[in-house]
PDB file of N, CA and C in Angstrom:
ATOM      1  N   MET A   1      58.890 124.424  80.968  1.00  0.00           N
ATOM      2  CA  MET A   1      60.379 124.208  81.640  1.00  0.00           C
ATOM      3  C   MET A   1      60.345 125.817  82.451  1.00  0.00           C
ATOM      4  N   ILE A   2      60.139 126.609  81.485  1.00  0.00           N
ATOM      5  CA  ILE A   2      60.628 127.991  81.724  1.00  0.00           C
ATOM      6  C   ILE A   2      59.646 128.375  82.515  1.00  0.00           C
ATOM      7  N   GLN A   3      58.444 128.322  82.894  1.00  0.00           N
ATOM      8  CA  GLN A   3      57.471 128.479  83.434  1.00  0.00           C
ATOM      9  C   GLN A   3      57.714 127.839  84.850  1.00  0.00           C
ATOM     10  N   TRP A   4      58.260 126.724  84.892  1.00  0.00           N
ATOM     11  CA  TRP A   4      59.028 126.152  86.159  1.00  0.00           C
ATOM     12  C   TRP A   4      59.483 126.298  86.421  1.00  0.00           C
ATOM     13  N   PHE A   5      60.656 127.065  86.142  1.00  0.00           N
ATOM     14  CA  PHE A   5      61.582 127.226  86.402  1.00  0.00           C
ATOM     15  C   PHE A   5      61.511 129.369  87.228  1.00  0.00           C
ATOM     16  N   GLU A   6      61.100 129.565  86.316  1.00  0.00           N
ATOM     17  CA  GLU A   6      60.291 131.322  86.924  1.00  0.00           C
ATOM     18  C   GLU A   6      59.592 130.978  88.116  1.00  0.00           C
ATOM     19  N   GLU A   7      58.831 129.823  88.116  1.00  0.00           N
ATOM     20  CA  GLU A   7      58.260 129.964  89.833  1.00  0.00           C
ATOM     21  C   GLU A   7      58.990 129.227  90.586  1.00  0.00           C
ATOM     22  N   ARG A   8      60.064 129.252  90.644  1.00  0.00           N
ATOM     23  CA  ARG A   8      61.252 127.899  91.810  1.00  0.00           C
ATOM     24  C   ARG A   8      62.614 129.031  91.729  1.00  0.00           C
ATOM     25  N   TYR A   9      62.439 129.739  91.198  1.00  0.00           N
ATOM     26  CA  TYR A   9      63.558 130.707  90.698  1.00  0.00           C
ATOM     27  C   TYR A   9      63.836 131.812  92.290  1.00  0.00           C
ATOM     28  N   ILE A  10      64.677 132.233  92.777  1.00  0.00           N
ATOM     29  CA  ILE A  10      64.434 133.058  93.772  1.00  0.00           C
ATOM     30  C   ILE A  10      66.265 134.139  93.122  1.00  0.00           C
ATOM     31  N   SER A  11      66.077 134.877  93.345  1.00  0.00           N
ATOM     32  CA  SER A  11      67.440 136.041  92.626  1.00  0.00           C
ATOM     33  C   SER A  11      68.188 136.055  94.172  1.00  0.00           C
ATOM     34  N   ARG A  12      69.715 136.243  93.898  1.00  0.00           N
ATOM     35  CA  ARG A  12      70.334 136.158  94.680  1.00  0.00           C
ATOM     36  C   ARG A  12      70.700 136.976  95.631  1.00  0.00           C
ATOM     37  N   GLU A  13      70.023 138.131  95.670  1.00  0.00           N
ATOM     38  CA  GLU A  13      69.486 139.076  97.080  1.00  0.00           C
ATOM     39  C   GLU A  13      68.674 138.317  98.065  1.00  0.00           C
ATOM     40  N   GLU A  14      67.769 138.265  97.376  1.00  0.00           N
ATOM     41  CA  GLU A  14      66.692 137.888  98.112  1.00  0.00           C
ATOM     42  C   GLU A  14      66.879 136.173  99.104  1.00  0.00           C
ATOM     43  N   HIS A  15      67.963 135.564  98.214  1.00  0.00           N
ATOM     44  CA  HIS A  15      68.186 134.412  98.666  1.00  0.00           C
ATOM     45  C   HIS A  15      69.202 134.525 100.106  1.00  0.00           C
ATOM     46  N   GLN A  16      70.265 136.186  99.649  1.00  0.00           N
ATOM     47  CA  GLN A  16      70.904 136.556 100.708  1.00  0.00           C
ATOM     48  C   GLN A  16      70.036 136.996 101.509  1.00  0.00           C
ATOM     49  N   ARG A  17      69.074 137.628 101.507  1.00  0.00           N
ATOM     50  CA  ARG A  17      68.192 137.801 102.665  1.00  0.00           C
ATOM     51  C   ARG A  17      67.882 136.741 103.666  1.00  0.00           C
ATOM     52  N   ILE A  18      67.289 136.286 102.868  1.00  0.00           N
ATOM     53  CA  ILE A  18      66.558 134.493 103.548  1.00  0.00           C
ATOM     54  C   ILE A  18      67.910 134.127 104.782  1.00  0.00           C
ATOM     55  N   VAL A  19      69.047 134.128 104.248  1.00  0.00           N
ATOM     56  CA  VAL A  19      70.419 133.623 105.042  1.00  0.00           C
ATOM     57  C   VAL A  19      70.580 134.364 106.040  1.00  0.00           C
ATOM     58  N   ASP A  20      70.406 135.700 106.052  1.00  0.00           N
ATOM     59  CA  ASP A  20      70.588 136.512 106.742  1.00  0.00           C
ATOM     60  C   ASP A  20      69.577 136.145 107.929  1.00  0.00           C
ATOM     61  N   TYR A  21      68.091 136.569 107.528  1.00  0.00           N
ATOM     62  CA  TYR A  21      67.159 136.528 108.362  1.00  0.00           C
ATOM     63  C   TYR A  21      67.074 134.958 109.633  1.00  0.00           C
ATOM     64  N   TYR A  22      67.481 134.000 108.938  1.00  0.00           N
ATOM     65  CA  TYR A  22      67.778 133.028 109.313  1.00  0.00           C
ATOM     66  C   TYR A  22      69.308 132.838 110.240  1.00  0.00           C
ATOM     67  N   ARG A  23      69.925 133.199 110.155  1.00  0.00           N
ATOM     68  CA  ARG A  23      71.514 133.537 110.917  1.00  0.00           C
ATOM     69  C   ARG A  23      70.846 134.193 111.678  1.00  0.00           C
ATOM     70  N   LYS A  24      70.376 135.429 111.602  1.00  0.00           N
ATOM     71  CA  LYS A  24      69.939 136.231 112.957  1.00  0.00           C
ATOM     72  C   LYS A  24      68.732 135.498 113.944  1.00  0.00           C
ATOM     73  N   LEU A  25      68.148 135.038 113.639  1.00  0.00           N
ATOM     74  CA  LEU A  25      66.991 134.045 114.537  1.00  0.00           C
ATOM     75  C   LEU A  25      67.875 132.925 115.149  1.00  0.00           C
ATOM     76  N   VAL A  26      68.871 132.694 114.482  1.00  0.00           N
ATOM     77  CA  VAL A  26      69.165 131.436 115.591  1.00  0.00           C
ATOM     78  C   VAL A  26      70.186 131.521 116.362  1.00  0.00           C
ATOM     79  N   ALA A  27      70.716 132.954 115.720  1.00  0.00           N
ATOM     80  CA  ALA A  27      71.349 133.741 117.304  1.00  0.00           C
ATOM     81  C   ALA A  27      70.917 134.132 118.167  1.00  0.00           C
ATOM     82  N   GLN A  28      69.703 134.276 117.974  1.00  0.00           N
ATOM     83  CA  GLN A  28      68.881 134.884 119.036  1.00  0.00           C
ATOM     84  C   GLN A  28      68.233 133.566 120.051  1.00  0.00           C
ATOM     85  N   LEU A  29      68.026 133.026 119.135  1.00  0.00           N
ATOM     86  CA  LEU A  29      67.337 131.804 119.645  1.00  0.00           C
ATOM     87  C   LEU A  29      68.227 130.866 120.539  1.00  0.00           C
ATOM     88  N   TYR A  30      70.038 130.982 119.902  1.00  0.00           N
ATOM     89  CA  TYR A  30      71.052 130.410 120.612  1.00  0.00           C
ATOM     90  C   TYR A  30      71.052 130.853 122.352  1.00  0.00           C
ATOM     91  N   GLY A  31      71.226 132.500 121.890  1.00  0.00           N
ATOM     92  CA  GLY A  31      71.502 133.240 123.072  1.00  0.00           C
ATOM     93  C   GLY A  31      70.391 133.187 124.140  1.00  0.00           C
ATOM     94  N   THR A  32      69.069 133.251 123.952  1.00  0.00           N
ATOM     95  CA  THR A  32      68.391 132.656 124.583  1.00  0.00           C
ATOM     96  C   THR A  32      67.984 131.386 125.595  1.00  0.00           C
ATOM     97  N   VAL A  33      68.355 130.124 124.636  1.00  0.00           N
ATOM     98  CA  VAL A  33      68.943 129.379 125.394  1.00  0.00           C
ATOM     99  C   VAL A  33      69.833 128.657 126.369  1.00  0.00           C
ATOM    100  N   ARG A  34      70.544 129.980 126.098  1.00  0.00           N
ATOM    101  CA  ARG A  34      71.925 130.150 126.990  1.00  0.00           C
ATOM    102  C   ARG A  34      71.350 130.301 128.258  1.00  0.00           C
ATOM    103  N   ASP A  35      71.143 131.731 127.644  1.00  0.00           N
ATOM    104  CA  ASP A  35      70.362 132.211 129.363  1.00  0.00           C
ATOM    105  C   ASP A  35      69.757 131.660 130.051  1.00  0.00           C
ATOM    106  N   LEU A  36      68.461 130.212 129.584  1.00  0.00           N
ATOM    107  CA  LEU A  36      67.599 130.349 130.099  1.00  0.00           C
ATOM    108  C   LEU A  36      68.002 129.115 131.225  1.00  0.00           C
ATOM    109  N   ARG A  37      69.153 128.058 130.718  1.00  0.00           N
ATOM    110  CA  ARG A  37      70.198 127.079 130.697  1.00  0.00           C
ATOM    111  C   ARG A  37      71.100 127.711 132.065  1.00  0.00           C
ATOM    112  N   THR A  38      71.360 128.994 131.798  1.00  0.00           N
ATOM    113  CA  THR A  38      72.084 129.464 133.136  1.00  0.00           C
ATOM    114  C   THR A  38      71.346 129.720 134.077  1.00  0.00           C
ATOM    115  N   ALA A  39      69.944 130.630 133.743  1.00  0.00           N
ATOM    116  CA  ALA A  39      69.063 130.472 135.032  1.00  0.00           C
ATOM    117  C   ALA A  39      68.671 129.350 135.962  1.00  0.00           C
ATOM    118  N   GLY A  40      68.555 128.331 134.399  1.00  0.00           N
ATOM    119  CA  GLY A  40      68.035 126.880 135.617  1.00  0.00           C
ATOM    120  C   GLY A  40      68.910 126.627 136.388  1.00  0.00           C
ATOM    121  N   GLU A  41      70.307 126.831 136.186  1.00  0.00           N
ATOM    122  CA  GLU A  41      71.076 126.312 137.097  1.00  0.00           C
ATOM    123  C   GLU A  41      71.201 126.954 138.413  1.00  0.00           C
ATOM    124  N   MET A  42      70.658 128.072 138.333  1.00  0.00           N
ATOM    125  CA  MET A  42      71.185 128.835 139.323  1.00  0.00           C
ATOM    126  C   MET A  42      69.666 128.624 140.178  1.00  0.00           C
ATOM    127  N   GLN A  43      68.271 128.023 139.675  1.00  0.00           N
ATOM    128  CA  GLN A  43      67.501 128.129 140.423  1.00  0.00           C
ATOM    129  C   GLN A  43      67.115 126.298 140.843  1.00  0.00           C
ATOM    130  N   LYS A  44      67.853 125.872 140.478  1.00  0.00           N
ATOM    131  CA  LYS A  44      67.669 124.347 140.944  1.00  0.00           C
ATOM    132  C   LYS A  44      67.807 123.945 142.730  1.00  0.00           C
ATOM    133  N   ALA A  45      66.917 123.834 143.181  1.00  0.00           N
ATOM    134  CA  ALA A  45      66.039 123.267 144.515  1.00  0.00           C
ATOM    135  C   ALA A  45      66.935 122.583 144.725  1.00  0.00           C
ATOM    136  N   PRO A  46      67.586 121.993 146.219  1.00  0.00           N
ATOM    137  CA  PRO A  46      67.922 120.819 146.218  1.00  0.00           C
ATOM    138  C   PRO A  46      66.548 119.584 147.035  1.00  0.00           C
ATOM    139  N   ILE A  47      66.983 118.836 146.926  1.00  0.00           N
ATOM    140  CA  ILE A  47      66.067 117.571 146.646  1.00  0.00           C
ATOM    141  C   ILE A  47      64.896 117.923 148.213  1.00  0.00           C
ATOM    142  N   PRO A  48      64.159 117.338 148.067  1.00  0.00           N
ATOM    143  CA  PRO A  48      63.321 117.597 149.360  1.00  0.00           C
ATOM    144  C   PRO A  48      63.596 116.277 150.094  1.00  0.00           C
ATOM    145  N   ALA A  49      63.618 116.539 151.182  1.00  0.00           N
ATOM    146  CA  ALA A  49      64.169 115.375 152.264  1.00  0.00           C
ATOM    147  C   ALA A  49      63.294 113.984 152.203  1.00  0.00           C
ATOM    148  N   ALA A  50      62.166 114.341 151.977  1.00  0.00           N
ATOM    149  CA  ALA A  50      61.346 113.030 152.146  1.00  0.00           C
ATOM    150  C   ALA A  50      61.386 112.460 150.832  1.00  0.00           C
ATOM    151  N   ALA A  51      61.871 112.637 149.325  1.00  0.00           N
ATOM    152  CA  ALA A  51      62.417 111.731 148.190  1.00  0.00           C
ATOM    153  C   ALA A  51      63.711 111.125 148.499  1.00  0.00           C
ATOM    154  N   LYS A  52      64.546 111.673 149.272  1.00  0.00           N
ATOM    155  CA  LYS A  52      66.176 111.676 149.124  1.00  0.00           C
ATOM    156  C   LYS A  52      65.741 109.668 149.390  1.00  0.00           C
ATOM    157  N   GLU A  53      65.150 109.054 150.444  1.00  0.00           N
ATOM    158  CA  GLU A  53      65.510 107.795 150.430  1.00  0.00           C
ATOM    159  C   GLU A  53      64.282 106.947 149.420  1.00  0.00           C
ATOM    160  N   PRO A  54      65.251 105.760 148.832  1.00  0.00           N
ATOM    161  CA  PRO A  54      64.529 104.838 148.156  1.00  0.00           C
ATOM    162  C   PRO A  54      63.829 104.289 148.345  1.00  0.00           C
ATOM    163  N   GLY A  55      62.437 104.405 147.291  1.00  0.00           N
ATOM    164  CA  GLY A  55      61.462 103.804 148.030  1.00  0.00           C
ATOM    165  C   GLY A  55      60.141 104.731 147.962  1.00  0.00           C
ATOM    166  N   ASP A  56      60.383 106.085 148.699  1.00  0.00           N
ATOM    167  CA  ASP A  56      59.696 107.010 148.865  1.00  0.00           C
ATOM    168  C   ASP A  56      59.304 107.652 148.144  1.00  0.00           C
ATOM    169  N   ILE A  57      57.819 107.833 147.764  1.00  0.00           N
ATOM    170  CA  ILE A  57      56.867 108.467 147.652  1.00  0.00           C
ATOM    171  C   ILE A  57      56.793 110.038 147.645  1.00  0.00           C
ATOM    172  N   PRO A  58      57.064 110.891 147.106  1.00  0.00           N
ATOM    173  CA  PRO A  58      56.622 112.633 147.738  1.00  0.00           C
ATOM    174  C   PRO A  58      55.454 112.466 147.910  1.00  0.00           C
ATOM    175  N   PRO A  59      54.878 113.393 148.458  1.00  0.00           N
ATOM    176  CA  PRO A  59      53.420 114.054 148.553  1.00  0.00           C
ATOM    177  C   PRO A  59      53.306 114.549 147.015  1.00  0.00           C
ATOM    178  N   ALA A  60      51.797 114.405 146.523  1.00  0.00           N
ATOM    179  CA  ALA A  60      51.211 114.608 145.472  1.00  0.00           C
ATOM    180  C   ALA A  60      51.473 116.174 145.029  1.00  0.00           C
ATOM    181  N   GLY A  61      51.752 116.484 143.771  1.00  0.00           N
ATOM    182  CA  GLY A  61      52.202 117.514 143.229  1.00  0.00           C
ATOM    183  C   GLY A  61      53.491 117.685 143.556  1.00  0.00           C
ATOM    184  N   GLN A  62      54.562 117.228 144.520  1.00  0.00           N
ATOM    185  CA  GLN A  62      56.003 117.379 144.405  1.00  0.00           C
ATOM    186  C   GLN A  62      56.578 116.602 143.501  1.00  0.00           C
ATOM    187  N   ASP A  63      57.691 117.809 143.073  1.00  0.00           N
ATOM    188  CA  ASP A  63      58.280 116.699 142.147  1.00  0.00           C
ATOM    189  C   ASP A  63      59.537 115.872 143.351  1.00  0.00           C
ATOM    190  N   PRO A  64      59.860 114.778 143.059  1.00  0.00           N
ATOM    191  CA  PRO A  64      60.827 114.051 144.011  1.00  0.00           C
ATOM    192  C   PRO A  64      62.318 114.967 143.431  1.00  0.00           C
ATOM    193  N   ALA A  65      62.842 115.456 142.460  1.00  0.00           N
ATOM    194  CA  ALA A  65      63.732 115.777 141.936  1.00  0.00           C
ATOM    195  C   ALA A  65      63.797 117.824 141.822  1.00  0.00           C
ATOM    196  N   GLY A  66      62.724 118.368 142.010  1.00  0.00           N
ATOM    197  CA  GLY A  66      62.020 119.291 141.699  1.00  0.00           C
ATOM    198  C   GLY A  66      62.378 119.947 140.474  1.00  0.00           C
ATOM    199  N   LEU A  67      62.085 118.636 139.785  1.00  0.00           N
ATOM    200  CA  LEU A  67      61.819 119.211 138.103  1.00  0.00           C
ATOM    201  C   LEU A  67      60.480 118.408 137.677  1.00  0.00           C
ATOM    202  N   ASN A  68      60.326 119.199 136.604  1.00  0.00           N
ATOM    203  CA  ASN A  68      59.419 118.546 135.728  1.00  0.00           C
ATOM    204  C   ASN A  68      59.637 116.529 135.595  1.00  0.00           C
ATOM    205  N   VAL A  69      59.388 116.204 136.435  1.00  0.00           N
ATOM    206  CA  VAL A  69      59.678 114.837 136.321  1.00  0.00           C
ATOM    207  C   VAL A  69      58.416 113.649 136.250  1.00  0.00           C
ATOM    208  N   ILE A  70      58.563 112.390 135.420  1.00  0.00           N
ATOM    209  CA  ILE A  70      57.267 111.886 135.327  1.00  0.00           C
ATOM    210  C   ILE A  70      57.938 110.155 135.726  1.00  0.00           C
ATOM    211  N   THR A  71      57.349 109.824 136.999  1.00  0.00           N
ATOM    212  CA  THR A  71      58.098 108.340 137.551  1.00  0.00           C
ATOM    213  C   THR A  71      57.071 107.655 137.065  1.00  0.00           C
ATOM    214  N   VAL A  72      57.553 106.243 136.614  1.00  0.00           N
ATOM    215  CA  VAL A  72      57.130 105.019 136.266  1.00  0.00           C
ATOM    216  C   VAL A  72      57.108 104.114 137.024  1.00  0.00           C
ATOM    217  N   ASP A  73      56.315 103.559 137.658  1.00  0.00           N
ATOM    218  CA  ASP A  73      56.514 101.850 138.226  1.00  0.00           C
ATOM    219  C   ASP A  73      56.401 101.088 137.031  1.00  0.00           C
ATOM    220  N   PHE A  74      58.184 100.253 137.464  1.00  0.00           N
ATOM    221  CA  PHE A  74      57.922  99.309 136.132  1.00  0.00           C
ATOM    222  C   PHE A  74      57.647  97.707 137.378  1.00  0.00           C
ATOM    223  N   ARG A  75      57.662  97.615 138.364  1.00  0.00           N
ATOM    224  CA  ARG A  75      57.287  96.725 138.723  1.00  0.00           C
ATOM    225  C   ARG A  75      56.299  96.168 138.165  1.00  0.00           C
ATOM    226  N   ARG A  76      56.500  94.305 138.402  1.00  0.00           N
ATOM    227  CA  ARG A  76      55.267  93.342 138.145  1.00  0.00           C
ATOM    228  C   ARG A  76      54.406  93.393 138.872  1.00  0.00           C
ATOM    229  N   LYS A  77      53.119  93.552 138.662  1.00  0.00           N
ATOM    230  CA  LYS A  77      52.526  93.503 139.532  1.00  0.00           C
ATOM    231  C   LYS A  77      51.982  92.003 139.725  1.00  0.00           C
ATOM    232  N   SER A  78      51.845  91.549 141.083  1.00  0.00           N
ATOM    233  CA  SER A  78      51.479  90.067 141.051  1.00  0.00           C
ATOM    234  C   SER A  78      50.204  89.484 140.767  1.00  0.00           C
ATOM    235  N   ALA A  79      49.889  88.099 140.266  1.00  0.00           N
ATOM    236  CA  ALA A  79      48.820  87.853 139.778  1.00  0.00           C
ATOM    237  C   ALA A  79      47.595  87.643 140.248  1.00  0.00           C
ATOM    238  N   HIS A  80      47.793  87.767 141.662  1.00  0.00           N
ATOM    239  CA  HIS A  80      46.339  87.960 142.216  1.00  0.00           C
ATOM    240  C   HIS A  80      45.815  89.064 142.023  1.00  0.00           C
ATOM    241  N   ARG A  81      46.672  90.477 142.286  1.00  0.00           N
ATOM    242  CA  ARG A  81      45.754  91.946 141.992  1.00  0.00           C
ATOM    243  C   ARG A  81      44.968  92.026 140.904  1.00  0.00           C
ATOM    244  N   ARG A  82      45.325  91.080 139.895  1.00  0.00           N
ATOM    245  CA  ARG A  82      44.618  91.506 138.668  1.00  0.00           C
ATOM    246  C   ARG A  82      43.133  91.815 138.675  1.00  0.00           C
TER     247      ARG A  82
END
């Protein structure tokens, strides 16, 4: 039991260093995400005219909304197309 405890025990100081490290990491990541969101909002491109009409398919390689978008056609296929 003593060996089990010694293998899993960390001192209060070591625990505090770990907590401080992750607090700084989370704060840094939060700042990065906030900056990226702000930059993304500034760079939003208008929707291309060709993709504004319902049912229009934009040219290959062009996203319909200017974003990384995947469109899926959920329409049923007719029986004679199989």
